[in-house]
C-alpha atoms as a PDB file:
ATOM      1  CA  MET A   1     -49.729  49.672   9.780  1.00  0.00           C
ATOM      2  CA  SER A   2     -52.067  48.240   7.624  1.00  0.00           C
ATOM      3  CA  VAL A   3     -51.474  49.052   4.007  1.00  0.00           C
ATOM      4  CA  LYS A   4     -54.855  50.568   3.474  1.00  0.00           C
ATOM      5  CA  LYS A   5     -54.237  52.921   6.220  1.00  0.00           C
ATOM      6  CA  GLU A   6     -50.697  53.885   5.034  1.00  0.00           C
ATOM      7  CA  ILE A   7     -52.576  54.450   1.274  1.00  0.00           C
ATOM      8  CA  THR A   8     -54.933  56.484   2.906  1.00  0.00           C
ATOM      9  CA  GLU A   9     -52.114  58.708   4.445  1.00  0.00           C
ATOM     10  CA  ILE A  10     -50.428  59.213   1.979  1.00  0.00           C
ATOM     11  CA  VAL A  11     -53.661  60.271  -0.479  1.00  0.00           C
ATOM     12  CA  ASN A  12     -54.673  62.526   2.475  1.00  0.00           C
ATOM     13  CA  THR A  13     -51.173  64.687   1.928  1.00  0.00           C
ATOM     14  CA  LEU A  14     -51.433  65.324  -1.914  1.00  0.00           C
ATOM     15  CA  PRO A  15     -52.269  67.940  -3.880  1.00  0.00           C
ATOM     16  CA  LYS A  16     -55.803  68.091  -5.419  1.00  0.00           C
ATOM     17  CA  GLU A  17     -54.452  67.933  -8.744  1.00  0.00           C
ATOM     18  CA  VAL A  18     -52.339  64.641  -8.129  1.00  0.00           C
ATOM     19  CA  LEU A  19     -55.654  63.292  -7.001  1.00  0.00           C
ATOM     20  CA  CYS A  20     -57.479  63.040  -9.916  1.00  0.00           C
ATOM     21  CA  GLU A  21     -54.618  61.300 -11.273  1.00  0.00           C
ATOM     22  CA  VAL A  22     -54.361  58.635  -8.738  1.00  0.00           C
ATOM     23  CA  LEU A  23     -58.198  58.084  -9.097  1.00  0.00           C
ATOM     24  CA  GLN A  24     -57.550  57.538 -12.871  1.00  0.00           C
ATOM     25  CA  TYR A  25     -54.944  55.135 -12.377  1.00  0.00           C
ATOM     26  CA  LEU A  26     -57.015  53.386  -9.701  1.00  0.00           C
ATOM     27  CA  ARG A  27     -59.697  53.337 -11.929  1.00  0.00           C
ATOM     28  CA  GLN A  28     -57.354  51.494 -14.451  1.00  0.00           C
ATOM     29  CA  VAL A  29     -56.434  49.052 -11.999  1.00  0.00           C
ATOM     30  CA  GLU A  30     -59.720  48.040 -10.838  1.00  0.00           C
ATOM     31  CA  LYS A  31     -60.329  47.148 -14.421  1.00  0.00           C
ATOM     32  CA  VAL A  32     -57.727  44.591 -14.468  1.00  0.00           C
ATOM     33  CA  SER A  33     -58.120  40.877 -13.925  1.00  0.00           C
ATOM     34  CA  GLN A  34     -56.721  39.579 -10.477  1.00  0.00           C
ATOM     35  CA  GLU A  35     -54.613  37.387 -12.786  1.00  0.00           C
ATOM     36  CA  LYS A  36     -52.913  40.039 -14.842  1.00  0.00           C
ATOM     37  CA  MET A  37     -52.025  42.360 -11.654  1.00  0.00           C
ATOM     38  CA  ARG A  38     -50.425  39.040 -10.170  1.00  0.00           C
ATOM     39  CA  LEU A  39     -48.610  38.134 -13.262  1.00  0.00           C
ATOM     40  CA  SER A  40     -47.681  42.226 -13.665  1.00  0.00           C
ATOM     41  CA  LEU A  41     -46.311  42.042 -10.062  1.00  0.00           C
ATOM     42  CA  ASN A  42     -44.541  38.768 -10.810  1.00  0.00           C
ATOM     43  CA  LEU A  43     -43.124  39.978 -13.368  1.00  0.00           C
ATOM     44  CA  LYS A  44     -41.702  43.402 -11.951  1.00  0.00           C
ATOM     45  CA  THR A  45     -40.281  41.379  -8.912  1.00  0.00           C
ATOM     46  CA  ILE A  46     -38.092  39.140 -11.724  1.00  0.00           C
ATOM     47  CA  LEU A  47     -36.826  42.133 -13.117  1.00  0.00           C
ATOM     48  CA  ILE A  48     -35.767  44.097 -10.066  1.00  0.00           C
ATOM     49  CA  GLU A  49     -34.446  40.999  -8.559  1.00  0.00           C
ATOM     50  CA  ASP A  50     -31.988  39.820 -11.796  1.00  0.00           C
ATOM     51  CA  LYS A  51     -31.535  43.217 -13.284  1.00  0.00           C
ATOM     52  CA  GLU A  52     -27.747  42.818 -12.903  1.00  0.00           C
ATOM     53  CA  LEU A  53     -27.944  39.344 -14.787  1.00  0.00           C
ATOM     54  CA  LEU A  54     -29.973  41.337 -17.621  1.00  0.00           C
ATOM     55  CA  GLU A  55     -27.525  43.887 -17.621  1.00  0.00           C
ATOM     56  CA  ARG A  56     -24.985  41.452 -18.179  1.00  0.00           C
ATOM     57  CA  LEU A  57     -26.738  39.645 -20.871  1.00  0.00           C
ATOM     58  CA  VAL A  58     -27.397  42.773 -23.080  1.00  0.00           C
ATOM     59  CA  LYS A  59     -23.677  43.428 -23.151  1.00  0.00           C
END
């Protein structure tokens, strides 16, 4: 299943109140440059993958 189709299916199940928030979020994402989005996603991936290491470093 394509990502857009999955997103559409989820959006179709959301209550109207939530849709306004989703729309606001998507508008914010749309404004961010592709490079910043890629960097943000890469950072998130690193943090998730290295969570244990980061926790040990904190101690």
